[in-house]
Amino acid sequence: MSAPALGDHLHRVRRWLSEPTNRGVVRAAIVVGLLAIVGNVAALLRDAVVARRFGLGDQLDAYLTALLLPTLGINVISGSLSLALLPVYMRVREREGHAAATELIARSLGRAMTTLVLVALGLVIVSPAILPWLAPGFPPPKLLLVRHLLYLLLPSLVLSGMSALWT
C-alpha cells in the first residue's frame, strides 16, 4: 500500500471511530475479546491443575466423564441462545428502541438462568440412570466417583452457561 492510500485508509478508520456507536462497538469487542482470553486462560489453568492432581488413571477418567454433561449443557443451551439472541436483539433495537432491546436481554438472561438451573437440577435427578450408559464398563465405585464429581461440577453449568451468553 502506498503512503497516500494508507493515509486515506487511516482517515476513514478515524472518521468511522469518531461516531459514538462505532466506538461503543469497538469497546464492546475489546471487552468480549479480553473476557474470552481470561476464560481460556482459566480453562487452561483448570486443566493443568486437574492433570497434576489426578494424573492418568481412574480419577482422571471419572473427572472427564463427569465434565461431559455440564459441558454439553453449556454448549447447547448457552451457545444456541447467544447465537439466536443477537439478531433478535439487533432487530428489536432498530424497530423498538434501546429500552425494548434492554428489556429483551433482561428477560432472556433471566430465562436462561432459570433453564440452566433446571437442567442442573434435572441432571442431579437423572444422573444415576445416565452415568452407567455414558460410562459403560466403569465399576460401581468409579461410577459413584463420577456422580460425586458431576455434583461438584454442576454449578459450573450455570456459571459458565451465563458467562457464555456474554461472550
Foldseek 3Di string as FASTA:
>chain_A
DDPVVVVVVVVVVVVQCVDPVSVVVVVLVVVLVVVVVVVVVVVVVVVVVCCVVPPDDLLNVLLVLLVVVLVVLLCPLLVVCLVVLVVVLVVCCVPPNDVRSVVVVVVSLVVSLVVLVVSLVVCLVCVVVVQCVSDPPDPPVSSVSSSVSNNVCSVCSNVVSSVSSSD
